[in-house]
């Protein structure tokens, strides 16, 4: 009877450890930044002066003609350009540099602060999987 209980406990513990290792490997690969041809990144350009709807239309048209741009939204009420792009084809900094060279507008790329990042997604920094990922990356 004791042998049977020991075997059950040993198999249960082994199975549990195996599943924990599988979960750790899964979390590591899911959080690992590896952009590929399908990866899209969102960026924002803040225009430091008023623009009209006509300006917004010109900016939208210009942005769509840039290499690697996927989608563009220009809001003339807030003077903000939000766009998605493929990081294997271009960078947000390059798009912003080209934007500033093509338009006579005071503009800069919005880069979130640490505080912005902490408050942006409640799941990311406080989630159990993110904490497990950080632990695993520190161990490895």
C-alpha atoms as a PDB file:
ATOM      1  CA  UNK A   1       0.000   0.000   0.000  1.00  0.00           C
ATOM      2  CA  UNK A   2       2.831   2.453   0.864  1.00  0.00           C
ATOM      3  CA  UNK A   3       4.616   1.573  -2.373  1.00  0.00           C
ATOM      4  CA  UNK A   4       1.500   2.426  -4.371  1.00  0.00           C
ATOM      5  CA  UNK A   5       1.085   5.783  -2.612  1.00  0.00           C
ATOM      6  CA  UNK A   6       4.777   6.596  -3.175  1.00  0.00           C
ATOM      7  CA  UNK A   7       4.455   5.750  -6.879  1.00  0.00           C
ATOM      8  CA  UNK A   8       1.344   7.911  -7.228  1.00  0.00           C
ATOM      9  CA  UNK A   9       3.040  10.813  -5.454  1.00  0.00           C
ATOM     10  CA  UNK A  10       6.196  10.399  -7.540  1.00  0.00           C
ATOM     11  CA  UNK A  11       4.242  10.324 -10.818  1.00  0.00           C
ATOM     12  CA  UNK A  12       2.095  13.275  -9.739  1.00  0.00           C
ATOM     13  CA  UNK A  13       5.118  15.342  -8.773  1.00  0.00           C
ATOM     14  CA  UNK A  14       6.939  14.409 -11.985  1.00  0.00           C
ATOM     15  CA  UNK A  15       3.915  15.324 -14.091  1.00  0.00           C
ATOM     16  CA  UNK A  16       3.497  18.622 -12.247  1.00  0.00           C
ATOM     17  CA  UNK A  17       7.179  19.536 -12.733  1.00  0.00           C
ATOM     18  CA  UNK A  18       7.010  18.593 -16.399  1.00  0.00           C
ATOM     19  CA  UNK A  19       3.959  20.818 -16.904  1.00  0.00           C
ATOM     20  CA  UNK A  20       5.628  23.717 -15.076  1.00  0.00           C
ATOM     21  CA  UNK A  21       8.640  23.399 -17.393  1.00  0.00           C
ATOM     22  CA  UNK A  22       6.393  23.294 -20.468  1.00  0.00           C
ATOM     23  CA  UNK A  23       4.565  26.399 -19.231  1.00  0.00           C
ATOM     24  CA  UNK A  24       7.852  28.211 -18.578  1.00  0.00           C
ATOM     25  CA  UNK A  25       9.139  27.444 -22.074  1.00  0.00           C
ATOM     26  CA  UNK A  26       5.817  28.525 -23.581  1.00  0.00           C
ATOM     27  CA  UNK A  27       5.847  31.837 -21.676  1.00  0.00           C
ATOM     28  CA  UNK A  28       9.449  32.463 -22.709  1.00  0.00           C
ATOM     29  CA  UNK A  29       8.685  31.990 -26.410  1.00  0.00           C
ATOM     30  CA  UNK A  30       5.452  33.994 -26.316  1.00  0.00           C
ATOM     31  CA  UNK A  31       7.090  37.047 -24.707  1.00  0.00           C
ATOM     32  CA  UNK A  32      10.324  36.860 -26.672  1.00  0.00           C
ATOM     33  CA  UNK A  33      10.484  39.812 -29.081  1.00  0.00           C
ATOM     34  CA  UNK A  34      11.104  38.400 -32.529  1.00  0.00           C
ATOM     35  CA  UNK A  35       9.574  40.580 -35.239  1.00  0.00           C
ATOM     36  CA  UNK A  36       8.847  38.811 -38.487  1.00  0.00           C
ATOM     37  CA  UNK A  37       7.131  39.755 -41.751  1.00  0.00           C
ATOM     38  CA  UNK A  38       3.700  39.704 -40.040  1.00  0.00           C
ATOM     39  CA  UNK A  39       4.638  41.814 -37.009  1.00  0.00           C
ATOM     40  CA  UNK A  40       3.000  45.236 -36.862  1.00  0.00           C
ATOM     41  CA  UNK A  41       3.953  48.093 -34.551  1.00  0.00           C
ATOM     42  CA  UNK A  42       1.906  51.163 -33.677  1.00  0.00           C
ATOM     43  CA  UNK A  43       3.456  54.624 -33.433  1.00  0.00           C
ATOM     44  CA  UNK A  44       2.256  58.170 -32.962  1.00  0.00           C
ATOM     45  CA  UNK A  45       3.398  61.549 -34.210  1.00  0.00           C
ATOM     46  CA  UNK A  46       2.277  64.645 -32.325  1.00  0.00           C
ATOM     47  CA  UNK A  47       1.970  67.755 -34.482  1.00  0.00           C
ATOM     48  CA  UNK A  48       2.696  70.846 -32.398  1.00  0.00           C
ATOM     49  CA  UNK A  49       0.468  73.178 -34.406  1.00  0.00           C
ATOM     50  CA  UNK A  50      -3.077  73.252 -35.740  1.00  0.00           C
ATOM     51  CA  UNK A  51      -3.837  71.323 -38.909  1.00  0.00           C
ATOM     52  CA  UNK A  52      -6.926  71.399 -41.100  1.00  0.00           C
ATOM     53  CA  UNK A  53      -8.894  68.500 -42.543  1.00  0.00           C
ATOM     54  CA  UNK A  54      -7.154  69.199 -45.868  1.00  0.00           C
ATOM     55  CA  UNK A  55      -3.762  68.870 -44.123  1.00  0.00           C
ATOM     56  CA  UNK A  56      -4.945  65.637 -42.505  1.00  0.00           C
ATOM     57  CA  UNK A  57      -5.937  64.251 -45.914  1.00  0.00           C
ATOM     58  CA  UNK A  58      -2.531  65.165 -47.393  1.00  0.00           C
ATOM     59  CA  UNK A  59      -0.721  63.583 -44.435  1.00  0.00           C
ATOM     60  CA  UNK A  60      -2.821  60.430 -44.721  1.00  0.00           C
ATOM     61  CA  UNK A  61      -2.120  60.128 -48.427  1.00  0.00           C
ATOM     62  CA  UNK A  62       1.610  60.719 -47.919  1.00  0.00           C
ATOM     63  CA  UNK A  63       1.812  58.194 -45.067  1.00  0.00           C
ATOM     64  CA  UNK A  64       0.123  55.470 -47.116  1.00  0.00           C
ATOM     65  CA  UNK A  65       2.768  55.923 -49.813  1.00  0.00           C
ATOM     66  CA  UNK A  66       5.635  55.283 -47.384  1.00  0.00           C
ATOM     67  CA  UNK A  67       7.386  51.919 -47.326  1.00  0.00           C
ATOM     68  CA  UNK A  68       6.118  49.602 -44.595  1.00  0.00           C
ATOM     69  CA  UNK A  69       3.058  51.610 -43.543  1.00  0.00           C
ATOM     70  CA  UNK A  70      -0.014  49.476 -42.915  1.00  0.00           C
ATOM     71  CA  UNK A  71      -2.709  51.810 -41.577  1.00  0.00           C
ATOM     72  CA  UNK A  72      -2.943  55.550 -40.823  1.00  0.00           C
ATOM     73  CA  UNK A  73      -5.301  57.711 -38.768  1.00  0.00           C
ATOM     74  CA  UNK A  74      -4.913  61.497 -38.659  1.00  0.00           C
ATOM     75  CA  UNK A  75      -7.031  63.513 -36.240  1.00  0.00           C
ATOM     76  CA  UNK A  76      -7.107  67.244 -37.091  1.00  0.00           C
ATOM     77  CA  UNK A  77      -8.876  68.077 -33.810  1.00  0.00           C
ATOM     78  CA  UNK A  78      -6.032  66.696 -31.656  1.00  0.00           C
ATOM     79  CA  UNK A  79      -3.209  67.108 -34.225  1.00  0.00           C
ATOM     80  CA  UNK A  80      -2.156  63.500 -33.809  1.00  0.00           C
ATOM     81  CA  UNK A  81      -1.069  60.965 -36.431  1.00  0.00           C
ATOM     82  CA  UNK A  82      -1.345  57.308 -35.413  1.00  0.00           C
ATOM     83  CA  UNK A  83      -0.027  54.648 -37.742  1.00  0.00           C
ATOM     84  CA  UNK A  84       0.918  51.000 -37.850  1.00  0.00           C
ATOM     85  CA  UNK A  85       3.928  49.726 -39.738  1.00  0.00           C
ATOM     86  CA  UNK A  86       5.997  46.608 -40.341  1.00  0.00           C
ATOM     87  CA  UNK A  87       9.256  46.902 -38.356  1.00  0.00           C
ATOM     88  CA  UNK A  88      11.103  44.624 -40.781  1.00  0.00           C
ATOM     89  CA  UNK A  89      10.532  47.267 -43.500  1.00  0.00           C
ATOM     90  CA  UNK A  90      10.934  50.579 -41.635  1.00  0.00           C
ATOM     91  CA  UNK A  91      11.088  52.194 -38.218  1.00  0.00           C
ATOM     92  CA  UNK A  92       8.899  54.737 -36.465  1.00  0.00           C
ATOM     93  CA  UNK A  93      11.866  57.071 -36.169  1.00  0.00           C
ATOM     94  CA  UNK A  94      12.528  56.876 -39.918  1.00  0.00           C
ATOM     95  CA  UNK A  95       8.876  57.594 -40.743  1.00  0.00           C
ATOM     96  CA  UNK A  96       8.908  60.562 -38.347  1.00  0.00           C
ATOM     97  CA  UNK A  97      12.157  61.896 -39.848  1.00  0.00           C
ATOM     98  CA  UNK A  98      10.739  61.608 -43.385  1.00  0.00           C
ATOM     99  CA  UNK A  99       7.461  63.190 -42.227  1.00  0.00           C
ATOM    100  CA  UNK A 100       9.249  66.202 -40.776  1.00  0.00           C
ATOM    101  CA  UNK A 101      11.297  66.568 -43.962  1.00  0.00           C
ATOM    102  CA  UNK A 102       8.217  66.396 -46.203  1.00  0.00           C
ATOM    103  CA  UNK A 103       5.891  68.723 -44.284  1.00  0.00           C
ATOM    104  CA  UNK A 104       6.550  72.198 -42.909  1.00  0.00           C
ATOM    105  CA  UNK A 105       5.053  71.215 -39.561  1.00  0.00           C
ATOM    106  CA  UNK A 106       6.444  71.140 -36.049  1.00  0.00           C
ATOM    107  CA  UNK A 107       6.137  67.470 -35.184  1.00  0.00           C
ATOM    108  CA  UNK A 108       7.759  64.831 -33.023  1.00  0.00           C
ATOM    109  CA  UNK A 109       7.283  61.168 -32.400  1.00  0.00           C
ATOM    110  CA  UNK A 110       5.442  60.414 -29.169  1.00  0.00           C
ATOM    111  CA  UNK A 111       7.493  58.118 -26.970  1.00  0.00           C
ATOM    112  CA  UNK A 112       5.731  56.952 -23.805  1.00  0.00           C
ATOM    113  CA  UNK A 113       7.431  57.490 -20.461  1.00  0.00           C
ATOM    114  CA  UNK A 114       7.874  54.709 -17.918  1.00  0.00           C
ATOM    115  CA  UNK A 115       4.778  56.006 -16.136  1.00  0.00           C
ATOM    116  CA  UNK A 116       2.781  55.878 -19.384  1.00  0.00           C
ATOM    117  CA  UNK A 117       3.879  52.303 -19.944  1.00  0.00           C
ATOM    118  CA  UNK A 118       2.989  51.262 -16.409  1.00  0.00           C
ATOM    119  CA  UNK A 119      -0.522  52.629 -16.740  1.00  0.00           C
ATOM    120  CA  UNK A 120      -1.116  51.643 -20.365  1.00  0.00           C
ATOM    121  CA  UNK A 121      -1.988  47.985 -20.048  1.00  0.00           C
ATOM    122  CA  UNK A 122      -3.075  46.634 -16.690  1.00  0.00           C
ATOM    123  CA  UNK A 123      -2.414  43.061 -17.785  1.00  0.00           C
ATOM    124  CA  UNK A 124       1.191  43.438 -18.873  1.00  0.00           C
ATOM    125  CA  UNK A 125       3.196  44.501 -15.841  1.00  0.00           C
ATOM    126  CA  UNK A 126       1.020  42.952 -13.147  1.00  0.00           C
ATOM    127  CA  UNK A 127       0.097  39.680 -14.804  1.00  0.00           C
ATOM    128  CA  UNK A 128       1.280  36.392 -13.423  1.00  0.00           C
ATOM    129  CA  UNK A 129       2.576  35.319 -16.830  1.00  0.00           C
ATOM    130  CA  UNK A 130       4.653  38.493 -17.184  1.00  0.00           C
ATOM    131  CA  UNK A 131       6.133  37.991 -13.726  1.00  0.00           C
ATOM    132  CA  UNK A 132       6.877  34.355 -14.594  1.00  0.00           C
ATOM    133  CA  UNK A 133       8.493  35.516 -17.841  1.00  0.00           C
ATOM    134  CA  UNK A 134      10.710  37.994 -15.982  1.00  0.00           C
ATOM    135  CA  UNK A 135      11.721  35.297 -13.507  1.00  0.00           C
ATOM    136  CA  UNK A 136      12.537  32.848 -16.281  1.00  0.00           C
ATOM    137  CA  UNK A 137      14.593  35.412 -18.229  1.00  0.00           C
ATOM    138  CA  UNK A 138      16.562  36.277 -15.100  1.00  0.00           C
ATOM    139  CA  UNK A 139      17.315  32.603 -14.474  1.00  0.00           C
ATOM    140  CA  UNK A 140      18.301  31.932 -18.087  1.00  0.00           C
END
